[in-house]
């Protein structure tokens, strides 16, 4: 029994040595592939790299891991809460700009001062400060003896003229039939001309007091009690910014208040800019202007409409006026703003807002919206101004990127990279 165990031990030692020999031989060049496979069956796969061979590229798993690191996932609700706005990449115009201070003022021809043209008292007030009005809308009603007298005079002149016109037509027919003298015909024609002239004068007096054509036409059917009432109407659409009278207040001539309301249309406003004489040669009418103000997220674009030929002797600046749309009513007269006047423009094929670009490490990057989230995309930028930056490589037109509060995406990206 002991002898048999010794034989088995020797055979095992020989087999182990044989296997070790094959493994060592498989490392040597020129060993047949069959031997190498045999060694592989015994010890599993062995990866050998020659010292002068470059390291292999990263496998697919490593690449997928890096792509996962470069994505920041946010829901639509999180985007709204973070105030992250999105925009499509498109072409743009880079501009050299002059930055100057400015003040919002109303457009000169969009201010209406509603004044009375007769003496009377305020019987009704239908509009107050801040109320919107449309053109022709009734603002107030006055009671005036003057307007009552003018209306009565008109009605009397109208009736006299109608009667005289009828008499003239009769006298004309009689004279043409040789049943009356020419002297009677001429007398009737003269009297008709006089009554017609008085009628027209009384009508013009009503126009001078502020009555419209439709109001004058409706006078014959108006109740007698309303003859002393005069409607004050808005000459333009806008908002009431001042009301200078109260109910029952006497208004009109003889040192009384004549201005009842001030209406301003603020759908468009002017920006009065103070431009230094050194910058003035670069400013031209029609140049685009962008305005912004502290505390107002909105910006507005307009254009220069007037450049004064004079320089203020005290401030040593020139007055430049720009016209800006204001449908939202954000720009209120009297507000101080900062205006950027574009003096030179240059188009670029791909441009993004400067707020969209973040510096991560040694590279500049933007965050591109994808189906999985926001992908960090390295970009190379070129020229820029205070609003836009040209992108030379890394983006193409039509892609959607984050353009506001992108530092939040940068922080989230760096956080996930640190955790990985």
Protein backbone atom coordinates (compact mmCIF):
# COMPACT_ATOMS: atom_id res chain seq x y z
CA UNK A 1 0.00 0.00 0.00
CA UNK A 2 2.77 2.36 0.85
CA UNK A 3 4.51 1.59 -2.40
CA UNK A 4 1.35 2.40 -4.39
CA UNK A 5 1.02 5.83 -2.72
CA UNK A 6 4.61 6.65 -3.59
CA UNK A 7 3.93 5.84 -7.26
CA UNK A 8 0.83 8.06 -7.31
CA UNK A 9 2.77 10.92 -5.71
CA UNK A 10 5.54 10.64 -8.28
CA UNK A 11 3.04 10.69 -11.15
CA UNK A 12 1.35 13.78 -9.70
CA UNK A 13 4.67 15.56 -9.33
CA UNK A 14 5.60 14.68 -12.92
CA UNK A 15 2.20 15.96 -14.20
CA UNK A 16 2.59 19.22 -12.27
CA UNK A 17 6.03 19.72 -13.70
CA UNK A 18 4.80 18.97 -17.21
CA UNK A 19 2.00 21.50 -16.90
CA UNK A 20 4.38 24.13 -15.54
CA UNK A 21 6.73 23.47 -18.42
CA UNK A 22 3.94 23.98 -20.95
CA UNK A 23 2.90 27.23 -19.28
CA UNK A 24 6.45 28.56 -19.38
CA UNK A 25 6.91 27.42 -22.96
CA UNK A 26 3.71 29.17 -24.02
CA UNK A 27 5.28 32.50 -23.09
CA UNK A 28 8.10 31.99 -25.51
CA UNK A 29 7.72 33.12 -29.14
CA UNK A 30 7.25 30.43 -31.77
CA UNK A 31 5.31 28.02 -29.53
CA UNK A 32 2.46 26.38 -31.47
CA UNK A 33 -1.07 27.65 -30.87
CA UNK A 34 -2.18 24.18 -29.73
CA UNK A 35 0.25 24.28 -26.86
CA UNK A 36 -0.88 27.76 -25.92
CA UNK A 37 -4.50 26.56 -25.83
CA UNK A 38 -3.50 23.68 -23.67
CA UNK A 39 -1.85 26.02 -21.24
CA UNK A 40 -4.96 28.17 -21.31
CA UNK A 41 -7.17 25.24 -20.37
CA UNK A 42 -4.99 24.56 -17.42
CA UNK A 43 -4.64 28.09 -16.02
CA UNK A 44 -7.31 30.29 -17.67
CA UNK A 45 -6.79 33.24 -20.07
CA UNK A 46 -3.57 35.14 -19.79
CA UNK A 47 -3.25 38.67 -21.33
CA UNK A 48 0.27 39.58 -22.24
CA UNK A 49 1.40 42.98 -23.49
CA UNK A 50 4.75 43.65 -24.96
CA UNK A 51 6.62 46.46 -23.22
CA UNK A 52 6.92 48.45 -26.45
CA UNK A 53 3.20 48.19 -27.31
CA UNK A 54 0.87 51.17 -26.53
CA UNK A 55 -1.96 50.73 -24.02
CA UNK A 56 -5.22 49.56 -25.66
CA UNK A 57 -8.12 52.02 -26.01
CA UNK A 58 -10.79 52.18 -23.31
CA UNK A 59 -13.45 49.53 -23.63
CA UNK A 60 -17.15 50.32 -24.25
CA UNK A 61 -18.01 50.09 -20.56
CA UNK A 62 -15.52 52.85 -19.71
CA UNK A 63 -16.89 55.09 -22.51
CA UNK A 64 -20.47 54.58 -21.34
CA UNK A 65 -19.41 55.44 -17.80
CA UNK A 66 -17.89 58.76 -19.01
CA UNK A 67 -21.04 59.57 -21.02
CA UNK A 68 -23.15 58.96 -17.94
CA UNK A 69 -20.94 61.34 -15.98
CA UNK A 70 -21.42 64.07 -18.62
CA UNK A 71 -25.23 64.08 -18.29
CA UNK A 72 -27.27 66.11 -15.81
CA UNK A 73 -30.87 64.95 -15.49
CA UNK A 74 -33.54 67.48 -14.47
CA UNK A 75 -37.32 67.23 -14.75
CA UNK A 76 -39.42 69.98 -16.33
CA UNK A 77 -40.62 70.95 -12.86
CA UNK A 78 -37.04 71.30 -11.64
CA UNK A 79 -36.19 73.42 -14.69
CA UNK A 80 -39.08 75.75 -13.89
CA UNK A 81 -38.14 76.04 -10.23
CA UNK A 82 -34.50 76.75 -11.14
CA UNK A 83 -35.55 79.34 -13.76
CA UNK A 84 -33.44 77.64 -16.42
CA UNK A 85 -34.51 78.82 -19.86
CA UNK A 86 -33.84 76.97 -23.08
CA UNK A 87 -33.14 78.32 -26.57
CA UNK A 88 -32.16 76.97 -29.95
CA UNK A 89 -28.69 77.62 -31.29
CA UNK A 90 -28.84 79.96 -34.26
CA UNK A 91 -26.90 82.64 -36.07
CA UNK A 92 -26.44 86.05 -34.51
CA UNK A 93 -25.04 89.53 -34.88
CA UNK A 94 -22.13 90.71 -32.79
CA UNK A 95 -22.08 94.42 -32.16
CA UNK A 96 -19.74 97.01 -30.74
CA UNK A 97 -21.82 98.94 -28.23
CA UNK A 98 -21.64 102.25 -26.41
CA UNK A 99 -23.04 101.96 -22.88
CA UNK A 100 -24.77 105.14 -21.67
CA UNK A 101 -27.29 106.07 -18.95
CA UNK A 102 -30.85 106.96 -19.89
CA UNK A 103 -34.27 107.96 -18.59
CA UNK A 104 -37.68 106.72 -19.71
CA UNK A 105 -40.01 109.51 -20.87
CA UNK A 106 -43.40 109.47 -22.64
CA UNK A 107 -43.50 109.88 -26.41
CA UNK A 108 -44.26 113.55 -27.09
CA UNK A 109 -47.20 112.93 -29.43
CA UNK A 110 -48.74 110.32 -27.11
CA UNK A 111 -49.67 112.75 -24.33
CA UNK A 112 -53.13 114.36 -24.28
CA UNK A 113 -54.22 117.13 -21.90
CA UNK A 114 -58.01 117.20 -21.78
CA UNK A 115 -59.16 120.78 -21.22
CA UNK A 116 -62.58 122.47 -21.23
CA UNK A 117 -63.48 125.21 -23.69
CA UNK A 118 -66.35 126.69 -21.67
CA UNK A 119 -67.24 127.66 -18.11
CA UNK A 120 -69.33 125.29 -16.01
CA UNK A 121 -69.33 122.81 -13.12
CA UNK A 122 -68.37 119.13 -12.99
CA UNK A 123 -71.59 117.10 -12.84
CA UNK A 124 -70.10 113.59 -13.31
CA UNK A 125 -66.64 111.99 -13.23
CA UNK A 126 -66.52 108.66 -15.02
CA UNK A 127 -62.77 108.03 -15.02
CA UNK A 128 -60.15 108.09 -12.30
CA UNK A 129 -56.36 107.92 -12.14
CA UNK A 130 -55.00 104.74 -13.69
CA UNK A 131 -58.13 103.87 -15.64
CA UNK A 132 -57.64 102.80 -19.26
CA UNK A 133 -59.62 104.78 -21.84
CA UNK A 134 -60.39 104.45 -25.53
CA UNK A 135 -60.58 107.24 -28.06
CA UNK A 136 -63.94 109.05 -27.81
CA UNK A 137 -64.87 107.56 -24.43
CA UNK A 138 -66.70 109.89 -22.01
CA UNK A 139 -64.44 111.03 -19.17
CA UNK A 140 -66.71 113.54 -17.43
CA UNK A 141 -69.94 115.52 -17.86
CA UNK A 142 -70.17 119.26 -17.27
CA UNK A 143 -73.20 121.46 -16.71
CA UNK A 144 -72.89 124.89 -18.30
CA UNK A 145 -75.23 127.80 -19.05
CA UNK A 146 -72.89 128.73 -21.86
CA UNK A 147 -73.36 125.45 -23.65
CA UNK A 148 -77.12 125.60 -23.06
CA UNK A 149 -77.24 129.04 -24.70
CA UNK A 150 -75.13 127.85 -27.62
CA UNK A 151 -77.33 124.80 -28.20
CA UNK A 152 -80.49 126.87 -27.99
CA UNK A 153 -79.09 129.38 -30.45
CA UNK A 154 -78.22 126.59 -32.83
CA UNK A 155 -81.68 125.02 -32.64
CA UNK A 156 -83.35 128.39 -33.22
CA UNK A 157 -81.08 129.20 -36.17
CA UNK A 158 -81.70 125.75 -37.62
CA UNK A 159 -85.46 126.15 -37.43
CA UNK A 160 -85.36 129.69 -38.89
CA UNK A 161 -83.15 128.51 -41.72
CA UNK A 162 -85.47 125.61 -42.58
CA UNK A 163 -88.52 127.93 -42.67
CA UNK A 164 -86.74 130.54 -44.75
CA UNK A 165 -85.52 127.89 -47.21
CA UNK A 166 -89.12 126.80 -47.69
CA UNK A 167 -90.29 130.42 -48.23
CA UNK A 168 -87.51 131.04 -50.72
CA UNK A 169 -88.47 128.00 -52.78
CA UNK A 170 -92.08 129.25 -52.88
CA UNK A 171 -91.05 132.82 -53.86
CA UNK A 172 -88.80 131.41 -56.55
CA UNK A 173 -91.63 129.38 -58.09
CA UNK A 174 -93.97 132.39 -58.00
CA UNK A 175 -91.37 134.64 -59.65
CA UNK A 176 -90.60 132.07 -62.31
CA UNK A 177 -94.39 131.91 -63.03
CA UNK A 178 -94.45 135.69 -63.51
CA UNK A 179 -96.86 136.02 -60.58
CA UNK A 180 -94.46 138.07 -58.43
CA UNK A 181 -92.01 140.88 -58.90
CA UNK A 182 -88.28 140.39 -59.17
CA UNK A 183 -87.78 142.65 -56.16
CA UNK A 184 -89.72 140.25 -53.92
CA UNK A 185 -87.65 137.32 -55.20
CA UNK A 186 -84.35 139.10 -54.55
CA UNK A 187 -85.46 140.13 -51.04
CA UNK A 188 -86.39 136.52 -50.21
CA UNK A 189 -83.07 135.23 -51.55
CA UNK A 190 -81.10 137.74 -49.44
CA UNK A 191 -83.00 136.85 -46.29
CA UNK A 192 -82.40 133.14 -46.95
CA UNK A 193 -78.66 133.69 -47.28
CA UNK A 194 -78.62 135.58 -43.98
CA UNK A 195 -80.50 132.88 -42.06
CA UNK A 196 -78.24 130.19 -43.55
CA UNK A 197 -75.16 132.15 -42.46
CA UNK A 198 -76.49 132.52 -38.90
CA UNK A 199 -77.21 128.78 -38.83
CA UNK A 200 -73.68 127.92 -39.90
CA UNK A 201 -72.19 130.34 -37.34
CA UNK A 202 -74.19 128.78 -34.50
CA UNK A 203 -73.09 125.34 -35.67
CA UNK A 204 -69.43 126.33 -35.72
CA UNK A 205 -69.78 127.72 -32.20
CA UNK A 206 -70.84 124.27 -30.99
CA UNK A 207 -67.79 122.74 -32.67
CA UNK A 208 -65.64 125.31 -30.86
CA UNK A 209 -67.17 124.28 -27.52
CA UNK A 210 -66.17 120.66 -28.14
CA UNK A 211 -69.31 119.03 -29.54
CA UNK A 212 -68.87 116.41 -32.25
CA UNK A 213 -70.77 116.12 -35.53
CA UNK A 214 -72.91 113.27 -34.20
CA UNK A 215 -73.78 115.21 -31.04
CA UNK A 216 -74.86 118.25 -33.05
CA UNK A 217 -76.96 116.11 -35.38
CA UNK A 218 -78.75 114.54 -32.38
CA UNK A 219 -79.57 117.91 -30.73
CA UNK A 220 -83.09 118.31 -32.22
CA UNK A 221 -84.14 115.03 -30.54
CA UNK A 222 -82.38 115.71 -27.22
CA UNK A 223 -84.54 116.31 -24.12
CA UNK A 224 -84.62 119.93 -22.99
CA UNK A 225 -83.17 119.04 -19.56
CA UNK A 226 -80.00 117.75 -21.21
CA UNK A 227 -79.23 120.87 -23.20
CA UNK A 228 -77.05 122.25 -20.40
CA UNK A 229 -74.93 119.09 -20.17
CA UNK A 230 -71.66 118.75 -22.04
CA UNK A 231 -69.72 115.46 -22.41
CA UNK A 232 -65.93 115.56 -22.14
CA UNK A 233 -64.41 112.80 -24.29
CA UNK A 234 -60.95 111.26 -24.55
CA UNK A 235 -59.05 112.50 -27.63
CA UNK A 236 -56.87 109.36 -27.72
CA UNK A 237 -56.53 105.90 -26.20
CA UNK A 238 -54.28 105.42 -23.17
CA UNK A 239 -54.40 105.63 -19.39
CA UNK A 240 -55.44 108.47 -17.11
CA UNK A 241 -52.32 109.61 -15.26
CA UNK A 242 -53.74 112.81 -13.76
CA UNK A 243 -57.19 114.00 -12.70
CA UNK A 244 -57.18 117.65 -11.70
CA UNK A 245 -60.85 118.26 -10.77
CA UNK A 246 -63.39 116.97 -8.28
CA UNK A 247 -67.15 116.53 -8.43
CA UNK A 248 -68.99 119.88 -8.34
CA UNK A 249 -65.86 121.91 -9.03
CA UNK A 250 -66.21 125.05 -11.16
CA UNK A 251 -64.04 124.97 -14.26
CA UNK A 252 -63.44 127.15 -17.27
CA UNK A 253 -62.38 130.71 -17.79
CA UNK A 254 -61.83 133.57 -15.31
CA UNK A 255 -58.76 131.99 -13.60
CA UNK A 256 -60.54 128.65 -13.06
CA UNK A 257 -59.06 125.23 -13.81
CA UNK A 258 -59.32 124.38 -17.49
CA UNK A 259 -57.32 121.12 -17.59
CA UNK A 260 -59.37 118.16 -16.35
CA UNK A 261 -57.33 115.06 -17.21
CA UNK A 262 -53.94 114.00 -18.56
CA UNK A 263 -53.92 110.86 -20.71
CA UNK A 264 -50.73 109.06 -21.73
CA UNK A 265 -50.34 106.21 -24.19
CA UNK A 266 -47.41 104.10 -22.96
CA UNK A 267 -47.52 101.38 -25.62
CA UNK A 268 -44.35 103.06 -26.85
CA UNK A 269 -41.92 105.16 -24.82
CA UNK A 270 -38.83 107.22 -25.44
CA UNK A 271 -35.46 106.71 -23.80
CA UNK A 272 -33.55 109.94 -23.33
CA UNK A 273 -29.83 109.12 -23.46
CA UNK A 274 -26.89 111.21 -22.32
CA UNK A 275 -24.05 110.60 -24.81
CA UNK A 276 -20.60 112.10 -24.37
CA UNK A 277 -19.19 114.24 -27.21
CA UNK A 278 -16.43 111.68 -27.85
CA UNK A 279 -19.00 108.92 -28.52
CA UNK A 280 -21.43 111.12 -30.43
CA UNK A 281 -19.74 110.77 -33.89
CA UNK A 282 -20.39 107.00 -33.79
CA UNK A 283 -24.13 107.40 -33.10
CA UNK A 284 -26.55 107.59 -36.05
CA UNK A 285 -30.32 107.75 -36.35
CA UNK A 286 -31.79 104.30 -36.93
CA UNK A 287 -29.10 102.45 -34.94
CA UNK A 288 -30.42 99.65 -32.68
CA UNK A 289 -30.56 100.25 -28.92
CA UNK A 290 -30.98 97.73 -26.10
CA UNK A 291 -32.10 98.92 -22.66
CA UNK A 292 -32.01 97.23 -19.26
CA UNK A 293 -32.64 98.31 -15.69
CA UNK A 294 -31.77 97.03 -12.24
CA UNK A 295 -34.58 94.96 -10.78
CA UNK A 296 -36.21 94.32 -14.18
CA UNK A 297 -35.46 90.96 -15.78
CA UNK A 298 -36.92 92.05 -19.09
CA UNK A 299 -34.88 93.81 -21.76
CA UNK A 300 -36.17 95.90 -24.65
CA UNK A 301 -34.87 96.78 -28.08
CA UNK A 302 -35.48 100.01 -29.97
CA UNK A 303 -33.77 102.41 -32.33
CA UNK A 304 -32.38 105.94 -32.26
CA UNK A 305 -34.90 108.47 -33.60
CA UNK A 306 -33.31 111.81 -32.71
CA UNK A 307 -29.84 113.23 -32.07
CA UNK A 308 -29.61 116.78 -30.80
CA UNK A 309 -27.19 119.10 -32.59
CA UNK A 310 -26.40 120.79 -29.26
CA UNK A 311 -24.29 119.74 -26.27
CA UNK A 312 -25.51 120.66 -22.80
CA UNK A 313 -23.18 123.26 -21.33
CA UNK A 314 -23.59 121.93 -17.76
CA UNK A 315 -23.44 118.14 -18.19
CA UNK A 316 -21.29 118.25 -21.36
CA UNK A 317 -23.42 115.51 -22.90
CA UNK A 318 -25.66 115.38 -25.97
CA UNK A 319 -29.33 114.38 -25.90
CA UNK A 320 -30.12 111.28 -27.93
CA UNK A 321 -33.65 109.85 -28.04
CA UNK A 322 -34.50 106.21 -28.78
CA UNK A 323 -37.98 104.79 -29.42
CA UNK A 324 -38.84 101.52 -27.58
CA UNK A 325 -41.95 99.30 -27.61
CA UNK A 326 -43.67 98.96 -24.22
CA UNK A 327 -46.79 96.82 -24.68
CA UNK A 328 -46.20 95.12 -21.32
CA UNK A 329 -45.99 98.45 -19.48
CA UNK A 330 -42.71 97.53 -17.76
CA UNK A 331 -40.90 100.72 -18.74
CA UNK A 332 -42.38 103.55 -16.70
CA UNK A 333 -41.61 107.20 -17.37
CA UNK A 334 -39.06 108.57 -14.93
CA UNK A 335 -37.20 105.25 -14.55
CA UNK A 336 -33.42 105.21 -14.93
CA UNK A 337 -32.04 102.63 -17.36
CA UNK A 338 -28.78 101.58 -18.99
CA UNK A 339 -28.76 101.66 -22.76
CA UNK A 340 -26.41 99.94 -25.19
CA UNK A 341 -26.19 101.64 -28.60
CA UNK A 342 -24.89 99.32 -31.32
CA UNK A 343 -22.43 101.26 -33.45
CA UNK A 344 -20.93 98.38 -35.52
CA UNK A 345 -22.40 94.97 -36.37
CA UNK A 346 -20.89 91.71 -37.63
CA UNK A 347 -22.93 88.55 -38.41
CA UNK A 348 -21.75 85.10 -37.22
CA UNK A 349 -23.09 81.67 -38.20
CA UNK A 350 -23.37 80.25 -34.66
CA UNK A 351 -23.82 82.44 -31.58
CA UNK A 352 -25.04 81.77 -28.05
CA UNK A 353 -25.77 84.07 -25.09
CA UNK A 354 -22.71 84.67 -22.95
CA UNK A 355 -24.69 83.44 -19.90
CA UNK A 356 -24.93 80.00 -21.54
CA UNK A 357 -21.14 79.44 -21.42
CA UNK A 358 -19.47 78.03 -18.31
CA UNK A 359 -15.80 77.35 -17.61
CA UNK A 360 -15.24 73.79 -16.37
CA UNK A 361 -11.64 72.96 -15.71
CA UNK A 362 -9.55 74.33 -18.55
CA UNK A 363 -12.33 74.33 -21.15
CA UNK A 364 -15.46 76.30 -21.96
CA UNK A 365 -18.67 74.34 -22.14
CA UNK A 366 -22.40 74.65 -22.71
CA UNK A 367 -25.18 72.30 -21.63
CA UNK A 368 -27.10 70.77 -24.53
CA UNK A 369 -30.61 69.44 -23.96
CA UNK A 370 -30.99 65.77 -24.93
CA UNK A 371 -33.63 63.09 -24.35
CA UNK A 372 -31.72 61.85 -21.27
CA UNK A 373 -30.91 65.25 -19.76
CA UNK A 374 -28.30 67.97 -20.22
CA UNK A 375 -25.06 66.97 -21.89
CA UNK A 376 -21.91 68.97 -21.14
CA UNK A 377 -20.48 70.00 -24.48
CA UNK A 378 -17.01 71.52 -24.82
CA UNK A 379 -16.95 74.48 -27.21
CA UNK A 380 -14.37 76.78 -28.75
CA UNK A 381 -15.46 80.40 -28.80
CA UNK A 382 -14.39 83.28 -30.98
CA UNK A 383 -15.48 86.90 -31.02
CA UNK A 384 -18.03 88.22 -28.54
CA UNK A 385 -19.86 91.30 -27.34
CA UNK A 386 -21.79 92.06 -24.14
CA UNK A 387 -24.65 89.74 -25.17
CA UNK A 388 -23.47 87.01 -27.55
CA UNK A 389 -20.39 84.86 -28.12
CA UNK A 390 -19.43 83.22 -31.39
CA UNK A 391 -19.01 79.41 -31.23
CA UNK A 392 -16.41 78.06 -33.64
CA UNK A 393 -16.68 74.35 -32.82
CA UNK A 394 -18.78 72.16 -30.55
CA UNK A 395 -22.30 73.28 -31.52
CA UNK A 396 -24.45 73.39 -34.60
CA UNK A 397 -27.54 75.41 -35.44
CA UNK A 398 -30.82 73.91 -34.26
CA UNK A 399 -29.55 72.30 -31.05
CA UNK A 400 -31.28 73.28 -27.81
CA UNK A 401 -29.14 74.62 -24.96
CA UNK A 402 -29.64 76.13 -21.51
CA UNK A 403 -29.18 79.90 -21.60
CA UNK A 404 -29.97 81.12 -18.06
CA UNK A 405 -28.81 79.99 -14.61
CA UNK A 406 -26.40 77.53 -16.23
CA UNK A 407 -24.17 77.71 -13.15
CA UNK A 408 -26.73 75.41 -11.47
CA UNK A 409 -26.13 72.78 -14.15
CA UNK A 410 -22.38 73.25 -13.73
CA UNK A 411 -22.66 72.69 -9.97
CA UNK A 412 -24.78 69.57 -10.48
CA UNK A 413 -22.32 68.24 -13.05
CA UNK A 414 -19.30 68.79 -10.77
CA UNK A 415 -21.16 67.19 -7.87
CA UNK A 416 -21.98 64.03 -9.83
CA UNK A 417 -18.40 63.87 -11.17
CA UNK A 418 -17.00 64.07 -7.63
CA UNK A 419 -19.31 61.31 -6.42
CA UNK A 420 -18.25 59.04 -9.30
